Amino acid sequence: MMQLRKVIGMLVLLALVAGGCSRLTFVKPKFKRDFHQTGPEYTVRDDPRDVQRIAAIDQVALAEQGLRTGQLDDAETHAHAAIKADPASADAYTLLAMIQEQRGREPQAGALYAKAVSLAPTRGVLLNNYGAWLCGSGQAAASLGVFDRALQDSGYPTPASALANAGSCALKAGQDERASRDLARALELDPSNSVALEAMAESEFKAGHYLEARAFSERRLAVAPASVKMLQLASQIEQKLGDTVAAARYVQRIATEFPQQRTVPPGGANQR
């Protein structure tokens, strides 16, 4: 008899590098993904099914490692091996979806996220990932019900992630009241959540509350790496507040930190 301890992993992929879900500019947003491989402890006797499930867990761990280090070919090989060993491994399908996203294969990723959820329909982490994909694929309103399901999982270790994503997507869907509620709850749980902070900056800017928008913008830039989108928003906020020097400083940061990116002049972004 041998004992296999559970493999626990967390993978957070580019949260709007890492910021939010609604967009004010042409910059395509990226969503927070998370991954928790939470297989239970197994006692292996002579049941071939137990052996296969443990083999799948091992392959999932290797796939996660490959994805984390950018070795996508290796990661994909291990994810497929996990599915071959255990066709009911929701974790393997989730990792394979993440790999397809990294390769820019969005439709394939969506189908794989949906498959993972069909195999484990109450797991919060899987539902959060699928909801984020839906929102990023232009289905913001549809994503909200998926986030609600994620938050019903009492064992979900990072509910602030689903709340932040839900709030950002509610803002994108034009559901401002829900956006404010979910983002506030996310920040209560995790005051440094970059997704929620960026979405709150967007929300306050949209409402014309520029001092509040500045406060959230500054907090967002303090807790996570800047993105073009976030720097553009910060510049727009300063422009509205009449601080043209600060606005120009953010534009200069874009030119310095993201020289390959086309930028939008302060105040000229398309608000959505």
C-alpha atoms as a PDB file:
ATOM      1  CA  MET A   1       0.000   0.000   0.000  1.00  0.00           C
ATOM      2  CA  MET A   2       1.398   3.398  -0.791  1.00  0.00           C
ATOM      3  CA  GLN A   3       0.122   6.872   0.014  1.00  0.00           C
ATOM      4  CA  LEU A   4       0.095   9.752  -2.449  1.00  0.00           C
ATOM      5  CA  ARG A   5      -0.266  13.181  -0.953  1.00  0.00           C
ATOM      6  CA  LYS A   6      -2.421  15.589  -2.803  1.00  0.00           C
ATOM      7  CA  VAL A   7      -0.752  17.828  -5.321  1.00  0.00           C
ATOM      8  CA  ILE A   8      -1.622  21.424  -4.771  1.00  0.00           C
ATOM      9  CA  GLY A   9      -0.799  24.072  -7.336  1.00  0.00           C
ATOM     10  CA  MET A  10      -1.769  27.587  -8.072  1.00  0.00           C
ATOM     11  CA  LEU A  11      -1.337  29.159 -11.476  1.00  0.00           C
ATOM     12  CA  VAL A  12      -2.185  32.823 -12.047  1.00  0.00           C
ATOM     13  CA  LEU A  13      -1.881  33.815 -15.665  1.00  0.00           C
ATOM     14  CA  LEU A  14      -1.613  37.456 -16.655  1.00  0.00           C
ATOM     15  CA  ALA A  15      -4.297  39.332 -14.882  1.00  0.00           C
ATOM     16  CA  LEU A  16      -4.535  42.133 -17.342  1.00  0.00           C
ATOM     17  CA  VAL A  17      -0.977  42.118 -17.080  1.00  0.00           C
ATOM     18  CA  ALA A  18      -2.536  41.883 -14.937  1.00  0.00           C
ATOM     19  CA  GLY A  19      -5.419  44.217 -14.558  1.00  0.00           C
ATOM     20  CA  GLY A  20      -9.173  44.049 -15.312  1.00  0.00           C
ATOM     21  CA  CYS A  21     -11.936  42.973 -17.583  1.00  0.00           C
ATOM     22  CA  SER A  22     -13.630  46.067 -18.950  1.00  0.00           C
ATOM     23  CA  ARG A  23     -11.650  48.015 -21.497  1.00  0.00           C
ATOM     24  CA  LEU A  24     -11.468  51.709 -22.225  1.00  0.00           C
ATOM     25  CA  THR A  25      -9.136  51.374 -25.185  1.00  0.00           C
ATOM     26  CA  PHE A  26      -8.244  49.164 -28.092  1.00  0.00           C
ATOM     27  CA  VAL A  27      -5.903  47.116 -25.898  1.00  0.00           C
ATOM     28  CA  LYS A  28      -7.233  43.581 -25.613  1.00  0.00           C
ATOM     29  CA  PRO A  29      -7.729  42.799 -21.917  1.00  0.00           C
ATOM     30  CA  LYS A  30      -6.399  39.700 -20.253  1.00  0.00           C
ATOM     31  CA  PHE A  31      -8.194  38.018 -17.432  1.00  0.00           C
ATOM     32  CA  LYS A  32      -7.111  36.533 -14.227  1.00  0.00           C
ATOM     33  CA  ARG A  33      -6.818  32.771 -14.408  1.00  0.00           C
ATOM     34  CA  ASP A  34      -6.165  30.608 -11.431  1.00  0.00           C
ATOM     35  CA  PHE A  35      -5.612  26.916 -11.016  1.00  0.00           C
ATOM     36  CA  HIS A  36      -5.761  24.745  -7.945  1.00  0.00           C
ATOM     37  CA  GLN A  37      -5.106  21.065  -8.474  1.00  0.00           C
ATOM     38  CA  THR A  38      -6.861  19.661  -5.444  1.00  0.00           C
ATOM     39  CA  GLY A  39      -6.932  15.927  -5.875  1.00  0.00           C
ATOM     40  CA  PRO A  40      -7.674  13.997  -2.676  1.00  0.00           C
ATOM     41  CA  GLU A  41      -5.282  11.601  -1.017  1.00  0.00           C
ATOM     42  CA  TYR A  42      -5.449   8.129  -2.499  1.00  0.00           C
ATOM     43  CA  THR A  43      -4.693   4.749  -1.049  1.00  0.00           C
ATOM     44  CA  VAL A  44      -3.622   2.436  -3.844  1.00  0.00           C
ATOM     45  CA  ARG A  45      -4.495  -1.208  -3.629  1.00  0.00           C
ATOM     46  CA  ASP A  46      -5.016  -3.317  -6.691  1.00  0.00           C
ATOM     47  CA  ASP A  47      -7.645  -1.191  -8.421  1.00  0.00           C
ATOM     48  CA  PRO A  48      -6.369  -0.178 -11.878  1.00  0.00           C
ATOM     49  CA  ARG A  49      -8.633   2.872 -11.766  1.00  0.00           C
ATOM     50  CA  ASP A  50      -6.750   4.231  -8.745  1.00  0.00           C
ATOM     51  CA  VAL A  51      -3.461   3.739 -10.548  1.00  0.00           C
ATOM     52  CA  GLN A  52      -4.769   5.623 -13.576  1.00  0.00           C
ATOM     53  CA  ARG A  53      -6.095   8.501 -11.496  1.00  0.00           C
ATOM     54  CA  ILE A  54      -2.768   8.882  -9.715  1.00  0.00           C
ATOM     55  CA  ALA A  55      -0.939   8.771 -13.028  1.00  0.00           C
ATOM     56  CA  ALA A  56      -3.221  11.581 -14.228  1.00  0.00           C
ATOM     57  CA  ILE A  57      -2.442  13.674 -11.142  1.00  0.00           C
ATOM     58  CA  ASP A  58       1.279  13.249 -11.786  1.00  0.00           C
ATOM     59  CA  GLN A  59       0.835  14.324 -15.415  1.00  0.00           C
ATOM     60  CA  VAL A  60      -1.250  17.346 -14.382  1.00  0.00           C
ATOM     61  CA  ALA A  61       1.534  18.456 -12.041  1.00  0.00           C
ATOM     62  CA  LEU A  62       4.065  18.167 -14.861  1.00  0.00           C
ATOM     63  CA  ALA A  63       1.757  20.042 -17.250  1.00  0.00           C
ATOM     64  CA  GLU A  64       1.318  22.833 -14.714  1.00  0.00           C
ATOM     65  CA  GLN A  65       5.078  23.099 -14.285  1.00  0.00           C
ATOM     66  CA  GLY A  66       5.583  23.300 -18.036  1.00  0.00           C
ATOM     67  CA  LEU A  67       2.933  25.984 -18.414  1.00  0.00           C
ATOM     68  CA  ARG A  68       4.392  28.006 -15.571  1.00  0.00           C
ATOM     69  CA  THR A  69       7.848  27.933 -17.165  1.00  0.00           C
ATOM     70  CA  GLY A  70       6.606  28.626 -20.682  1.00  0.00           C
ATOM     71  CA  GLN A  71       7.349  25.167 -22.081  1.00  0.00           C
ATOM     72  CA  LEU A  72       4.037  24.865 -23.868  1.00  0.00           C
ATOM     73  CA  ASP A  73       4.854  21.784 -25.953  1.00  0.00           C
ATOM     74  CA  ASP A  74       5.846  19.808 -22.864  1.00  0.00           C
ATOM     75  CA  ALA A  75       2.858  21.124 -20.942  1.00  0.00           C
ATOM     76  CA  GLU A  76       0.466  20.094 -23.693  1.00  0.00           C
ATOM     77  CA  THR A  77       2.010  16.630 -23.937  1.00  0.00           C
ATOM     78  CA  HIS A  78       1.557  16.057 -20.210  1.00  0.00           C
ATOM     79  CA  ALA A  79      -1.999  17.429 -20.232  1.00  0.00           C
ATOM     80  CA  HIS A  80      -2.981  15.016 -23.000  1.00  0.00           C
ATOM     81  CA  ALA A  81      -1.307  12.187 -21.095  1.00  0.00           C
ATOM     82  CA  ALA A  82      -3.343  13.088 -18.018  1.00  0.00           C
ATOM     83  CA  ILE A  83      -6.569  12.969 -20.022  1.00  0.00           C
ATOM     84  CA  LYS A  84      -5.593   9.628 -21.525  1.00  0.00           C
ATOM     85  CA  ALA A  85      -4.971   8.223 -18.053  1.00  0.00           C
ATOM     86  CA  ASP A  86      -8.141   9.725 -16.578  1.00  0.00           C
ATOM     87  CA  PRO A  87     -10.699  11.081 -19.070  1.00  0.00           C
ATOM     88  CA  ALA A  88     -12.625  12.598 -16.134  1.00  0.00           C
ATOM     89  CA  SER A  89      -9.754  14.828 -15.012  1.00  0.00           C
ATOM     90  CA  ALA A  90     -11.219  18.343 -14.964  1.00  0.00           C
ATOM     91  CA  ASP A  91      -7.813  19.701 -13.934  1.00  0.00           C
ATOM     92  CA  ALA A  92      -6.203  18.307 -17.067  1.00  0.00           C
ATOM     93  CA  TYR A  93      -8.826  19.919 -19.297  1.00  0.00           C
ATOM     94  CA  THR A  94      -8.384  23.244 -17.504  1.00  0.00           C
ATOM     95  CA  LEU A  95      -4.636  23.190 -17.996  1.00  0.00           C
ATOM     96  CA  LEU A  96      -5.065  22.241 -21.634  1.00  0.00           C
ATOM     97  CA  ALA A  97      -7.431  25.221 -22.006  1.00  0.00           C
ATOM     98  CA  MET A  98      -4.822  27.540 -20.492  1.00  0.00           C
ATOM     99  CA  ILE A  99      -2.228  26.192 -22.886  1.00  0.00           C
ATOM    100  CA  GLN A 100      -4.505  26.832 -25.867  1.00  0.00           C
ATOM    101  CA  GLU A 101      -5.070  30.389 -24.641  1.00  0.00           C
ATOM    102  CA  GLN A 102      -1.345  30.934 -24.479  1.00  0.00           C
ATOM    103  CA  ARG A 103      -1.140  29.750 -28.067  1.00  0.00           C
ATOM    104  CA  GLY A 104      -3.878  32.187 -29.083  1.00  0.00           C
ATOM    105  CA  ARG A 105      -6.424  29.459 -29.798  1.00  0.00           C
ATOM    106  CA  GLU A 106      -9.380  31.046 -28.055  1.00  0.00           C
ATOM    107  CA  PRO A 107     -12.240  28.884 -29.434  1.00  0.00           C
ATOM    108  CA  GLN A 108     -10.409  25.681 -28.512  1.00  0.00           C
ATOM    109  CA  ALA A 109      -9.685  27.077 -25.056  1.00  0.00           C
ATOM    110  CA  GLY A 110     -13.340  27.890 -24.485  1.00  0.00           C
ATOM    111  CA  ALA A 111     -14.467  24.391 -25.387  1.00  0.00           C
ATOM    112  CA  LEU A 112     -11.919  22.913 -23.001  1.00  0.00           C
ATOM    113  CA  TYR A 113     -12.934  25.220 -20.128  1.00  0.00           C
ATOM    114  CA  ALA A 114     -16.546  24.182 -20.720  1.00  0.00           C
ATOM    115  CA  LYS A 115     -15.537  20.509 -20.693  1.00  0.00           C
ATOM    116  CA  ALA A 116     -13.740  20.956 -17.373  1.00  0.00           C
ATOM    117  CA  VAL A 117     -16.832  22.581 -15.858  1.00  0.00           C
ATOM    118  CA  SER A 118     -19.043  19.775 -17.146  1.00  0.00           C
ATOM    119  CA  LEU A 119     -16.833  17.287 -15.314  1.00  0.00           C
ATOM    120  CA  ALA A 120     -16.722  19.283 -12.048  1.00  0.00           C
ATOM    121  CA  PRO A 121     -19.730  21.612 -12.160  1.00  0.00           C
ATOM    122  CA  THR A 122     -19.390  22.946  -8.598  1.00  0.00           C
ATOM    123  CA  ARG A 123     -15.654  23.719  -8.406  1.00  0.00           C
ATOM    124  CA  GLY A 124     -15.151  27.433  -8.001  1.00  0.00           C
ATOM    125  CA  VAL A 125     -11.711  27.675  -9.548  1.00  0.00           C
ATOM    126  CA  LEU A 126     -12.851  25.987 -12.767  1.00  0.00           C
ATOM    127  CA  LEU A 127     -15.979  28.118 -12.963  1.00  0.00           C
ATOM    128  CA  ASN A 128     -13.947  31.298 -12.434  1.00  0.00           C
ATOM    129  CA  ASN A 129     -11.657  30.368 -15.306  1.00  0.00           C
ATOM    130  CA  TYR A 130     -14.580  29.612 -17.615  1.00  0.00           C
ATOM    131  CA  GLY A 131     -16.353  32.830 -16.632  1.00  0.00           C
ATOM    132  CA  ALA A 132     -13.238  34.849 -17.366  1.00  0.00           C
ATOM    133  CA  TRP A 133     -12.965  33.218 -20.781  1.00  0.00           C
ATOM    134  CA  LEU A 134     -16.601  34.011 -21.549  1.00  0.00           C
ATOM    135  CA  CYS A 135     -16.155  37.634 -20.545  1.00  0.00           C
ATOM    136  CA  GLY A 136     -12.968  37.983 -22.559  1.00  0.00           C
ATOM    137  CA  SER A 137     -14.727  36.497 -25.564  1.00  0.00           C
ATOM    138  CA  GLY A 138     -17.437  39.144 -25.668  1.00  0.00           C
ATOM    139  CA  GLN A 139     -19.960  37.328 -23.461  1.00  0.00           C
ATOM    140  CA  ALA A 140     -19.754  39.535 -20.377  1.00  0.00           C
ATOM    141  CA  ALA A 141     -23.401  39.187 -19.367  1.00  0.00           C
ATOM    142  CA  ALA A 142     -23.331  35.410 -19.739  1.00  0.00           C
ATOM    143  CA  SER A 143     -20.207  35.190 -17.587  1.00  0.00           C
ATOM    144  CA  LEU A 144     -21.921  36.641 -14.525  1.00  0.00           C
ATOM    145  CA  GLY A 145     -23.999  33.545 -13.823  1.00  0.00           C
ATOM    146  CA  VAL A 146     -20.862  31.424 -14.039  1.00  0.00           C
ATOM    147  CA  PHE A 147     -19.109  33.621 -11.477  1.00  0.00           C
ATOM    148  CA  ASP A 148     -22.159  33.302  -9.212  1.00  0.00           C
ATOM    149  CA  ARG A 149     -21.789  29.527  -9.388  1.00  0.00           C
ATOM    150  CA  ALA A 150     -18.088  29.818  -8.549  1.00  0.00           C
ATOM    151  CA  LEU A 151     -18.916  31.817  -5.441  1.00  0.00           C
ATOM    152  CA  GLN A 152     -21.317  29.117  -4.255  1.00  0.00           C
ATOM    153  CA  ASP A 153     -18.346  26.779  -3.750  1.00  0.00           C
ATOM    154  CA  SER A 154     -17.661  27.037  -0.018  1.00  0.00           C
ATOM    155  CA  GLY A 155     -14.287  25.405  -0.544  1.00  0.00           C
ATOM    156  CA  TYR A 156     -13.068  27.899  -3.126  1.00  0.00           C
ATOM    157  CA  PRO A 157      -9.886  29.338  -1.572  1.00  0.00           C
ATOM    158  CA  THR A 158      -9.776  32.639  -3.503  1.00  0.00           C
ATOM    159  CA  PRO A 159     -13.313  34.058  -3.818  1.00  0.00           C
ATOM    160  CA  ALA A 160     -11.872  37.566  -4.251  1.00  0.00           C
ATOM    161  CA  SER A 161     -10.659  36.457  -7.675  1.00  0.00           C
ATOM    162  CA  ALA A 162     -14.165  35.507  -8.840  1.00  0.00           C
ATOM    163  CA  LEU A 163     -15.661  38.647  -7.278  1.00  0.00           C
ATOM    164  CA  ALA A 164     -13.112  40.881  -8.988  1.00  0.00           C
ATOM    165  CA  ASN A 165     -13.688  39.214 -12.333  1.00  0.00           C
ATOM    166  CA  ALA A 166     -17.448  39.376 -11.846  1.00  0.00           C
ATOM    167  CA  GLY A 167     -17.303  43.067 -10.998  1.00  0.00           C
ATOM    168  CA  SER A 168     -15.120  43.865 -13.976  1.00  0.00           C
ATOM    169  CA  CYS A 169     -17.393  41.928 -16.321  1.00  0.00           C
ATOM    170  CA  ALA A 170     -20.520  43.491 -14.835  1.00  0.00           C
ATOM    171  CA  LEU A 171     -18.998  46.890 -15.595  1.00  0.00           C
ATOM    172  CA  LYS A 172     -18.357  45.763 -19.146  1.00  0.00           C
ATOM    173  CA  ALA A 173     -21.939  44.489 -19.415  1.00  0.00           C
ATOM    174  CA  GLY A 174     -23.319  47.839 -18.255  1.00  0.00           C
ATOM    175  CA  GLN A 175     -24.479  46.483 -14.879  1.00  0.00           C
ATOM    176  CA  ASP A 176     -22.920  49.252 -12.812  1.00  0.00           C
ATOM    177  CA  GLU A 177     -24.746  48.479  -9.569  1.00  0.00           C
ATOM    178  CA  ARG A 178     -23.585  44.887  -9.568  1.00  0.00           C
ATOM    179  CA  ALA A 179     -20.085  45.982 -10.566  1.00  0.00           C
ATOM    180  CA  SER A 180     -19.807  48.306  -7.553  1.00  0.00           C
ATOM    181  CA  ARG A 181     -21.122  45.626  -5.206  1.00  0.00           C
ATOM    182  CA  ASP A 182     -18.833  42.834  -6.395  1.00  0.00           C
ATOM    183  CA  LEU A 183     -15.729  45.014  -6.628  1.00  0.00           C
ATOM    184  CA  ALA A 184     -16.269  46.367  -3.113  1.00  0.00           C
ATOM    185  CA  ARG A 185     -16.621  42.816  -1.784  1.00  0.00           C
ATOM    186  CA  ALA A 186     -13.480  41.743  -3.639  1.00  0.00           C
ATOM    187  CA  LEU A 187     -11.477  44.568  -2.097  1.00  0.00           C
ATOM    188  CA  GLU A 188     -12.804  43.768   1.362  1.00  0.00           C
ATOM    189  CA  LEU A 189     -11.366  40.283   0.984  1.00  0.00           C
ATOM    190  CA  ASP A 190      -8.218  41.333  -0.869  1.00  0.00           C
ATOM    191  CA  PRO A 191      -7.366  45.068  -0.723  1.00  0.00           C
ATOM    192  CA  SER A 192      -4.508  44.540  -3.165  1.00  0.00           C
ATOM    193  CA  ASN A 193      -6.522  42.775  -5.859  1.00  0.00           C
ATOM    194  CA  SER A 194      -5.280  44.447  -9.030  1.00  0.00           C
ATOM    195  CA  VAL A 195      -8.292  43.403 -11.122  1.00  0.00           C
ATOM    196  CA  ALA A 196     -10.734  45.013  -8.694  1.00  0.00           C
ATOM    197  CA  LEU A 197      -8.614  48.134  -8.258  1.00  0.00           C
ATOM    198  CA  GLU A 198      -8.373  48.734 -11.990  1.00  0.00           C
ATOM    199  CA  ALA A 199     -12.074  48.151 -12.514  1.00  0.00           C
ATOM    200  CA  MET A 200     -12.896  50.548  -9.673  1.00  0.00           C
ATOM    201  CA  ALA A 201     -10.661  53.175 -11.282  1.00  0.00           C
ATOM    202  CA  GLU A 202     -12.543  52.674 -14.556  1.00  0.00           C
ATOM    203  CA  SER A 203     -15.921  52.812 -12.821  1.00  0.00           C
ATOM    204  CA  GLU A 204     -15.149  56.030 -10.959  1.00  0.00           C
ATOM    205  CA  PHE A 205     -13.712  57.599 -14.100  1.00  0.00           C
ATOM    206  CA  LYS A 206     -16.851  56.675 -16.037  1.00  0.00           C
ATOM    207  CA  ALA A 207     -18.975  58.241 -13.291  1.00  0.00           C
ATOM    208  CA  GLY A 208     -16.965  61.470 -13.382  1.00  0.00           C
ATOM    209  CA  HIS A 209     -15.490  60.927  -9.899  1.00  0.00           C
ATOM    210  CA  TYR A 210     -11.962  61.774 -10.918  1.00  0.00           C
ATOM    211  CA  LEU A 211     -10.368  62.121  -7.482  1.00  0.00           C
ATOM    212  CA  GLU A 212     -11.689  58.698  -6.491  1.00  0.00           C
ATOM    213  CA  ALA A 213     -10.549  57.313  -9.853  1.00  0.00           C
ATOM    214  CA  ARG A 214      -7.069  58.695  -9.213  1.00  0.00           C
ATOM    215  CA  ALA A 215      -6.925  57.010  -5.805  1.00  0.00           C
ATOM    216  CA  PHE A 216      -7.838  53.605  -7.237  1.00  0.00           C
ATOM    217  CA  SER A 217      -5.496  54.107 -10.191  1.00  0.00           C
ATOM    218  CA  GLU A 218      -2.556  54.880  -7.926  1.00  0.00           C
ATOM    219  CA  ARG A 219      -3.325  51.859  -5.751  1.00  0.00           C
ATOM    220  CA  ARG A 220      -3.545  49.642  -8.839  1.00  0.00           C
ATOM    221  CA  LEU A 221      -0.186  50.803 -10.167  1.00  0.00           C
ATOM    222  CA  ALA A 222       1.385  50.259  -6.754  1.00  0.00           C
ATOM    223  CA  VAL A 223       0.403  46.588  -6.447  1.00  0.00           C
ATOM    224  CA  ALA A 224       0.998  45.134  -9.927  1.00  0.00           C
ATOM    225  CA  PRO A 225       3.043  45.814 -13.051  1.00  0.00           C
ATOM    226  CA  ALA A 226       1.691  48.550 -15.271  1.00  0.00           C
ATOM    227  CA  SER A 227      -0.094  47.861 -18.532  1.00  0.00           C
ATOM    228  CA  VAL A 228      -0.664  50.164 -21.499  1.00  0.00           C
ATOM    229  CA  LYS A 229      -4.352  50.219 -20.684  1.00  0.00           C
ATOM    230  CA  MET A 230      -3.787  51.185 -17.061  1.00  0.00           C
ATOM    231  CA  LEU A 231      -1.297  53.909 -17.909  1.00  0.00           C
ATOM    232  CA  GLN A 232      -3.669  55.333 -20.492  1.00  0.00           C
ATOM    233  CA  LEU A 233      -6.461  55.415 -17.948  1.00  0.00           C
ATOM    234  CA  ALA A 234      -4.204  57.089 -15.385  1.00  0.00           C
ATOM    235  CA  SER A 235      -3.263  59.719 -17.986  1.00  0.00           C
ATOM    236  CA  GLN A 236      -6.915  60.341 -18.811  1.00  0.00           C
ATOM    237  CA  ILE A 237      -7.740  60.773 -15.127  1.00  0.00           C
ATOM    238  CA  GLU A 238      -4.984  63.347 -14.668  1.00  0.00           C
ATOM    239  CA  GLN A 239      -6.109  65.166 -17.785  1.00  0.00           C
ATOM    240  CA  LYS A 240      -9.620  65.464 -16.329  1.00  0.00           C
ATOM    241  CA  LEU A 241      -8.171  66.758 -13.067  1.00  0.00           C
ATOM    242  CA  GLY A 242      -6.200  69.414 -14.948  1.00  0.00           C
ATOM    243  CA  ASP A 243      -2.757  68.028 -14.176  1.00  0.00           C
ATOM    244  CA  THR A 244      -1.301  67.966 -17.667  1.00  0.00           C
ATOM    245  CA  VAL A 245       2.206  67.331 -16.351  1.00  0.00           C
ATOM    246  CA  ALA A 246       1.129  64.126 -14.619  1.00  0.00           C
ATOM    247  CA  ALA A 247      -0.898  63.131 -17.674  1.00  0.00           C
ATOM    248  CA  ALA A 248       2.130  63.559 -19.903  1.00  0.00           C
ATOM    249  CA  ARG A 249       4.244  61.579 -17.444  1.00  0.00           C
ATOM    250  CA  TYR A 250       1.988  58.541 -17.843  1.00  0.00           C
ATOM    251  CA  VAL A 251       2.107  58.873 -21.635  1.00  0.00           C
ATOM    252  CA  GLN A 252       5.903  58.953 -21.437  1.00  0.00           C
ATOM    253  CA  ARG A 253       5.860  55.781 -19.359  1.00  0.00           C
ATOM    254  CA  ILE A 254       3.940  54.053 -22.137  1.00  0.00           C
ATOM    255  CA  ALA A 255       6.539  55.123 -24.683  1.00  0.00           C
ATOM    256  CA  THR A 256       9.371  53.975 -22.405  1.00  0.00           C
ATOM    257  CA  GLU A 257       7.949  50.742 -21.007  1.00  0.00           C
ATOM    258  CA  PHE A 258       5.939  49.614 -24.045  1.00  0.00           C
ATOM    259  CA  PRO A 259       7.773  50.970 -27.097  1.00  0.00           C
ATOM    260  CA  GLN A 260       6.020  48.561 -29.482  1.00  0.00           C
ATOM    261  CA  GLN A 261       2.531  49.620 -28.443  1.00  0.00           C
ATOM    262  CA  ARG A 262       0.427  52.159 -30.294  1.00  0.00           C
ATOM    263  CA  THR A 263      -0.962  54.647 -27.778  1.00  0.00           C
ATOM    264  CA  VAL A 264      -4.083  56.750 -27.488  1.00  0.00           C
ATOM    265  CA  PRO A 265      -3.680  60.442 -26.545  1.00  0.00           C
ATOM    266  CA  PRO A 266      -5.027  61.469 -23.129  1.00  0.00           C
ATOM    267  CA  GLY A 267      -8.799  61.790 -23.259  1.00  0.00           C
ATOM    268  CA  GLY A 268      -8.944  60.117 -26.636  1.00  0.00           C
ATOM    269  CA  ALA A 269      -9.663  56.540 -25.619  1.00  0.00           C
ATOM    270  CA  ASN A 270     -12.874  54.868 -26.637  1.00  0.00           C
ATOM    271  CA  GLN A 271     -14.902  54.378 -23.441  1.00  0.00           C
ATOM    272  CA  ARG A 272     -16.944  51.202 -23.229  1.00  0.00           C
END
